[in-house]
Protein backbone atom coordinates (compact mmCIF):
# COMPACT_ATOMS: atom_id res chain seq x y z
CA MET A 1 -47.16 40.14 5.08
CA THR A 2 -46.98 42.52 2.14
CA LEU A 3 -48.33 41.82 -1.33
CA TYR A 4 -44.78 41.69 -2.63
CA THR A 5 -43.85 39.04 -0.10
CA ILE A 6 -46.88 36.94 -1.01
CA ARG A 7 -46.07 37.15 -4.73
CA LEU A 8 -42.46 36.18 -4.03
CA ALA A 9 -43.57 33.19 -1.97
CA LEU A 10 -45.90 32.05 -4.78
CA ILE A 11 -43.07 32.29 -7.30
CA PHE A 12 -40.78 30.15 -5.12
CA PHE A 13 -43.57 27.64 -4.50
CA THR A 14 -44.25 27.33 -8.24
CA LEU A 15 -40.57 26.93 -9.02
CA SER A 16 -40.23 24.21 -6.36
CA LEU A 17 -43.16 22.31 -7.87
CA ILE A 18 -41.55 22.51 -11.29
CA SER A 19 -38.22 21.37 -9.83
CA CYS A 20 -39.88 18.42 -8.08
CA ALA A 21 -41.66 17.41 -11.26
CA GLU A 22 -38.42 17.61 -13.21
CA LEU A 23 -36.64 15.62 -10.50
CA VAL A 24 -39.24 12.84 -10.61
CA LYS A 25 -39.00 12.77 -14.39
CA HIS A 26 -35.23 12.63 -14.17
CA ALA A 27 -35.40 9.89 -11.52
CA ASP A 28 -37.35 7.63 -13.85
CA THR A 29 -34.57 7.84 -16.40
CA ILE A 30 -31.66 7.02 -14.10
CA LYS A 31 -33.04 4.05 -12.20
CA PRO A 32 -30.75 1.07 -12.78
CA THR A 33 -32.05 -2.48 -13.26
CA ALA A 34 -30.85 -5.81 -11.88
CA LYS A 35 -31.45 -9.49 -12.52
CA ILE A 36 -30.12 -12.95 -11.64
CA THR A 37 -28.41 -14.59 -14.60
CA GLY A 38 -27.89 -17.97 -12.94
CA THR A 39 -27.06 -19.99 -9.88
CA ARG A 40 -24.56 -22.77 -9.27
CA LEU A 41 -23.38 -25.18 -6.62
CA ALA A 42 -19.89 -24.29 -5.43
CA ASN A 43 -19.81 -27.27 -3.09
CA ILE A 44 -22.14 -29.90 -1.66
CA SER A 45 -21.68 -32.44 1.12
CA PHE A 46 -23.83 -34.36 3.56
CA GLU A 47 -23.66 -31.37 5.92
CA GLN A 48 -24.27 -28.33 3.72
CA VAL A 49 -24.50 -26.83 0.26
CA ASP A 50 -22.70 -23.69 -0.91
CA LEU A 51 -24.76 -21.73 -3.45
CA VAL A 52 -23.49 -18.88 -5.59
CA PHE A 53 -25.98 -16.55 -7.27
CA ASP A 54 -24.70 -14.60 -10.27
CA LEU A 55 -26.39 -11.22 -10.59
CA VAL A 56 -25.91 -8.23 -12.88
CA VAL A 57 -26.75 -4.56 -12.43
CA GLU A 58 -27.27 -2.38 -15.51
CA ASN A 59 -26.39 1.28 -15.13
CA LYS A 60 -27.47 3.47 -18.06
CA ASN A 61 -26.23 6.65 -16.44
CA PRO A 62 -23.13 8.55 -17.57
CA VAL A 63 -21.81 8.44 -13.99
CA THR A 64 -20.60 5.63 -11.76
CA LEU A 65 -23.10 4.48 -9.11
CA LYS A 66 -22.46 2.90 -5.75
CA LEU A 67 -24.02 -0.32 -4.48
CA THR A 68 -24.20 0.26 -0.73
CA GLY A 69 -25.61 -3.14 0.25
CA LEU A 70 -27.49 -6.24 -0.79
CA ASP A 71 -30.31 -7.60 1.39
CA TYR A 72 -31.31 -11.23 0.88
CA GLN A 73 -33.67 -13.84 2.24
CA LEU A 74 -33.65 -17.53 1.32
CA ASN A 75 -36.97 -19.32 1.71
CA VAL A 76 -37.24 -23.11 1.65
CA GLU A 77 -40.64 -24.58 0.81
CA ASN A 78 -42.18 -21.15 1.49
CA GLN A 79 -40.52 -20.88 4.90
CA SER A 80 -37.85 -18.33 5.77
CA LEU A 81 -34.54 -20.02 6.58
CA ILE A 82 -31.63 -17.61 5.95
CA SER A 83 -31.48 -13.83 5.77
CA GLY A 84 -28.72 -11.26 5.84
CA THR A 85 -27.11 -8.18 4.32
CA THR A 86 -23.86 -7.81 2.44
CA THR A 87 -22.38 -4.43 3.35
CA LYS A 88 -19.46 -4.47 0.92
CA SER A 89 -19.54 -1.35 -1.26
CA ILE A 90 -19.37 -2.04 -5.00
CA LYS A 91 -18.95 0.55 -7.78
CA ILE A 92 -21.25 0.13 -10.77
CA LYS A 93 -19.56 1.60 -13.81
CA ALA A 94 -21.27 4.20 -16.01
CA ASN A 95 -23.15 3.01 -19.12
CA SER A 96 -22.34 -0.65 -18.44
CA THR A 97 -23.46 -3.86 -16.82
CA SER A 98 -21.62 -4.89 -13.66
CA PRO A 99 -21.60 -8.47 -12.26
CA VAL A 100 -22.30 -9.15 -8.58
CA GLN A 101 -21.95 -12.49 -6.81
CA LEU A 102 -23.97 -13.54 -3.77
CA PRO A 103 -22.70 -16.68 -1.95
CA ILE A 104 -25.08 -18.38 0.51
CA THR A 105 -24.38 -21.48 2.61
CA LEU A 106 -27.33 -23.68 3.57
CA LYS A 107 -26.70 -26.12 6.41
CA PHE A 108 -28.92 -29.16 6.16
CA THR A 109 -29.28 -29.44 9.95
CA ASP A 110 -31.19 -26.14 9.83
CA LEU A 111 -33.89 -27.89 7.80
CA LYS A 112 -34.73 -29.97 10.87
CA ASN A 113 -35.82 -26.79 12.66
CA LEU A 114 -38.52 -26.14 10.06
CA PRO A 115 -41.92 -27.86 10.19
CA GLY A 116 -42.92 -30.33 7.51
CA GLU A 117 -40.10 -32.91 7.77
CA LEU A 118 -38.13 -31.23 5.00
CA TRP A 119 -35.05 -33.25 5.93
CA ASP A 120 -36.72 -36.40 4.57
CA LYS A 121 -37.24 -34.95 1.10
CA ASP A 122 -34.96 -35.80 -1.82
CA ILE A 123 -35.32 -32.34 -3.36
CA ILE A 124 -36.40 -29.04 -1.82
CA LYS A 125 -37.70 -25.92 -3.55
CA TYR A 126 -36.16 -22.61 -2.59
CA GLN A 127 -36.78 -18.95 -3.31
CA LEU A 128 -34.25 -16.14 -3.12
CA LEU A 129 -35.61 -12.68 -2.36
CA SER A 130 -32.92 -10.04 -2.74
CA LYS A 131 -32.81 -6.26 -2.80
CA PHE A 132 -30.06 -4.06 -4.22
CA ASN A 133 -29.49 -0.82 -2.33
CA ILE A 134 -27.97 1.76 -4.68
CA ASN A 135 -27.03 5.35 -3.96
CA LEU A 136 -28.42 7.52 -6.79
CA PRO A 137 -27.52 11.15 -7.47
CA VAL A 138 -30.04 13.61 -6.00
CA ILE A 139 -32.52 10.86 -5.10
CA GLY A 140 -30.35 9.03 -2.58
CA ASN A 141 -30.92 5.37 -1.67
CA TYR A 142 -32.87 3.32 -4.22
CA ALA A 143 -33.85 -0.36 -3.80
CA ILE A 144 -34.11 -2.88 -6.66
CA PRO A 145 -35.93 -6.13 -5.77
CA VAL A 146 -34.77 -9.34 -7.49
CA GLU A 147 -36.29 -12.82 -7.10
CA TYR A 148 -35.15 -16.30 -8.10
CA LYS A 149 -36.62 -19.80 -7.66
CA GLY A 150 -34.85 -23.16 -7.87
CA GLU A 151 -34.43 -26.68 -6.49
CA LEU A 152 -31.73 -28.41 -4.44
CA PRO A 153 -30.94 -32.08 -3.73
CA ILE A 154 -30.66 -33.11 -0.07
CA PRO A 155 -27.95 -35.82 0.12
CA LYS A 156 -28.08 -38.27 3.00
CA ILE A 157 -25.33 -40.47 4.40
CA PRO A 158 -25.75 -44.19 3.61
CA ASP A 159 -27.36 -46.24 6.36
CA ILE A 160 -25.07 -49.10 7.46
CA SER A 161 -25.96 -52.00 9.73
CA ILE A 162 -25.04 -55.64 10.35
CA THR A 163 -27.93 -57.91 9.47
CA ASP A 164 -26.48 -61.16 10.82
CA VAL A 165 -23.32 -63.17 11.49
CA ASN A 166 -23.16 -66.60 9.87
CA VAL A 167 -21.13 -69.39 11.44
CA LYS A 168 -19.37 -71.24 8.60
CA ASN A 169 -17.07 -73.58 10.52
CA ILE A 170 -16.32 -74.22 14.18
CA SER A 171 -13.86 -76.32 16.16
CA PHE A 172 -12.56 -76.33 19.72
CA LEU A 173 -9.78 -73.94 18.72
CA SER A 174 -11.36 -71.51 16.26
CA ALA A 175 -14.45 -70.43 14.41
CA GLU A 176 -14.87 -69.10 10.90
CA LEU A 177 -17.69 -66.60 10.52
CA VAL A 178 -19.05 -64.13 7.99
CA ALA A 179 -20.64 -60.84 9.06
CA ARG A 180 -23.13 -59.48 6.54
CA ILE A 181 -23.19 -55.67 6.31
CA ALA A 182 -26.17 -53.98 4.66
CA ILE A 183 -25.54 -50.58 3.06
CA ASN A 184 -28.75 -48.71 2.24
CA ASN A 185 -28.77 -45.73 -0.11
CA PRO A 186 -31.65 -43.39 0.88
CA ASN A 187 -30.85 -40.97 -1.94
CA ASN A 188 -32.39 -40.52 -5.34
CA PHE A 189 -28.95 -40.87 -6.97
CA ASN A 190 -26.37 -43.65 -7.24
CA MET A 191 -23.64 -44.03 -4.63
CA ALA A 192 -20.42 -46.02 -4.23
CA VAL A 193 -18.50 -47.01 -1.10
CA SER A 194 -14.83 -47.99 -1.23
CA ASP A 195 -11.78 -48.37 1.03
CA LEU A 196 -13.89 -49.68 3.91
CA ILE A 197 -11.56 -49.87 6.92
CA TYR A 198 -13.28 -51.55 9.87
CA GLN A 199 -13.00 -53.01 13.32
CA LEU A 200 -15.84 -55.24 14.50
CA ASN A 201 -16.49 -55.63 18.21
CA ILE A 202 -18.93 -58.26 19.41
CA ASN A 203 -20.18 -57.94 22.98
CA GLN A 204 -17.39 -55.39 23.54
CA LYS A 205 -14.71 -57.84 22.33
CA ASN A 206 -12.65 -57.41 19.16
CA TRP A 207 -13.67 -60.12 16.72
CA GLY A 208 -11.83 -58.82 13.67
CA GLN A 209 -10.60 -55.92 11.58
CA GLY A 210 -9.61 -55.35 7.99
CA ASN A 211 -9.88 -53.27 4.83
CA ILE A 212 -12.24 -53.84 1.91
CA LYS A 213 -10.73 -52.04 -1.07
CA ASN A 214 -13.32 -53.12 -3.64
CA THR A 215 -15.88 -50.52 -4.71
CA ILE A 216 -19.41 -51.29 -3.57
CA ASN A 217 -22.02 -49.75 -5.88
CA ILE A 218 -25.43 -48.95 -4.42
CA PRO A 219 -28.22 -47.86 -6.81
CA LYS A 220 -30.54 -45.02 -5.89
CA LYS A 221 -33.02 -46.04 -3.19
CA GLY A 222 -31.27 -49.42 -3.25
CA LYS A 223 -29.21 -51.70 -1.01
CA ALA A 224 -25.94 -53.64 -1.21
CA ILE A 225 -24.67 -56.48 0.99
CA VAL A 226 -21.00 -56.73 1.95
CA GLU A 227 -19.58 -59.84 3.57
CA ILE A 228 -16.76 -59.56 6.11
CA PRO A 229 -14.89 -62.82 6.82
CA LEU A 230 -13.94 -63.36 10.47
CA LYS A 231 -11.66 -65.97 12.02
CA LEU A 232 -12.07 -66.12 15.78
CA ASN A 233 -9.50 -67.73 18.08
CA LEU A 234 -11.79 -69.34 20.64
CA LEU A 235 -8.93 -70.05 23.06
CA SER A 236 -8.05 -66.37 23.40
CA ALA A 237 -11.66 -65.19 23.04
CA GLY A 238 -12.73 -67.18 26.08
CA LYS A 239 -15.62 -69.40 27.11
CA SER A 240 -18.26 -66.69 26.64
CA ALA A 241 -17.35 -66.31 22.95
CA TYR A 242 -17.41 -70.08 22.49
CA ASP A 243 -20.86 -70.24 24.11
CA ILE A 244 -22.15 -67.46 21.83
CA VAL A 245 -20.90 -69.16 18.68
CA VAL A 246 -22.05 -72.67 19.61
CA ASN A 247 -25.51 -71.65 20.81
CA LYS A 248 -25.90 -68.90 18.20
CA LYS A 249 -27.14 -66.27 20.60
CA PRO A 250 -27.97 -62.69 19.55
CA VAL A 251 -24.99 -60.38 19.96
CA GLU A 252 -24.36 -56.70 20.48
CA TYR A 253 -22.03 -55.30 17.82
CA GLN A 254 -20.04 -52.13 17.24
CA LEU A 255 -18.60 -51.40 13.81
CA LYS A 256 -15.94 -48.69 13.79
CA GLY A 257 -13.73 -47.32 11.03
CA ASN A 258 -14.18 -45.19 7.95
CA ALA A 259 -14.95 -45.42 4.24
CA THR A 260 -14.81 -43.30 1.10
CA VAL A 261 -18.17 -42.34 -0.44
CA ASN A 262 -18.69 -41.22 -4.03
CA SER A 263 -21.92 -40.36 -5.81
CA SER A 264 -23.33 -39.59 -9.23
CA LEU A 265 -23.64 -35.94 -8.13
CA LYS A 266 -20.85 -33.97 -9.79
CA LEU A 267 -19.60 -32.24 -6.65
CA LEU A 268 -20.19 -35.00 -4.11
CA LYS A 269 -17.01 -37.04 -4.51
CA LYS A 270 -14.44 -38.69 -2.20
CA TYR A 271 -16.31 -37.98 1.01
CA ASP A 272 -14.51 -39.45 4.04
CA MET A 273 -17.28 -41.10 6.06
CA PRO A 274 -16.49 -42.13 9.66
CA LEU A 275 -18.08 -45.32 10.98
CA ASP A 276 -19.31 -45.82 14.52
CA ILE A 277 -22.37 -48.05 14.32
CA SER A 278 -23.86 -50.26 16.99
CA GLY A 279 -26.83 -52.58 17.23
CA THR A 280 -27.99 -56.15 17.69
CA ALA A 281 -27.38 -58.98 15.22
CA LEU A 282 -28.33 -62.65 15.06
CA LEU A 283 -25.89 -65.54 14.75
CA ARG A 284 -27.03 -68.13 12.25
């Protein structure tokens, strides 16, 4: 290698160092920033909650940038539950702030797969870890981490059971009874049940059906009792039914139908709740 060649190589090496230094300096000035401005519930039911995170990306460059993807991970009580990547390309306008929305659906059944009995909690804490992937001029892909913490209610379907069946009046032809239905609200918010359409089977025989249109209010962590009047034709019901009523034996019941559930939560309204409940009740 000649002296000339060595000098030329040194010149190119020095120029490349200067160029790299200038590039790093330039890179610091064009890096965009991002943040989460808020989060909201788009929908909530007894099965899942739909979250929408509102984010913004600020681009101070005189050129439009390209968001190539958004990585995210949703942790619940410090445990990873949902992760994914949105691959939709979004243009971030020059010298402006561009909004980005990230919708995430959390299914409450997935909480049962995590340790710690999270399903039994009234409220869970969550953490969103997200990363914007932006294509910058010269530099290429650049990642912007963004984090957000919040809380979510975990609504639970009311617990319904028949506590007992009271015999009010009995003759050789018929019996008048009242079935007492207990509706327990396991939630930390008020609930209301209305339009209760039911069919009550006792020992696999139909003992009555009807529709309770009145609204039944159940306070948070509270209970309400609903009485269903029954009039049983003992002639058509048979000797076994007569024996059950007269001797007041425990019975196996099945309550089928549906009801409308409302709550004090803004988005949890007019939920159509199917009924298919069975158990043992006492005759009194």
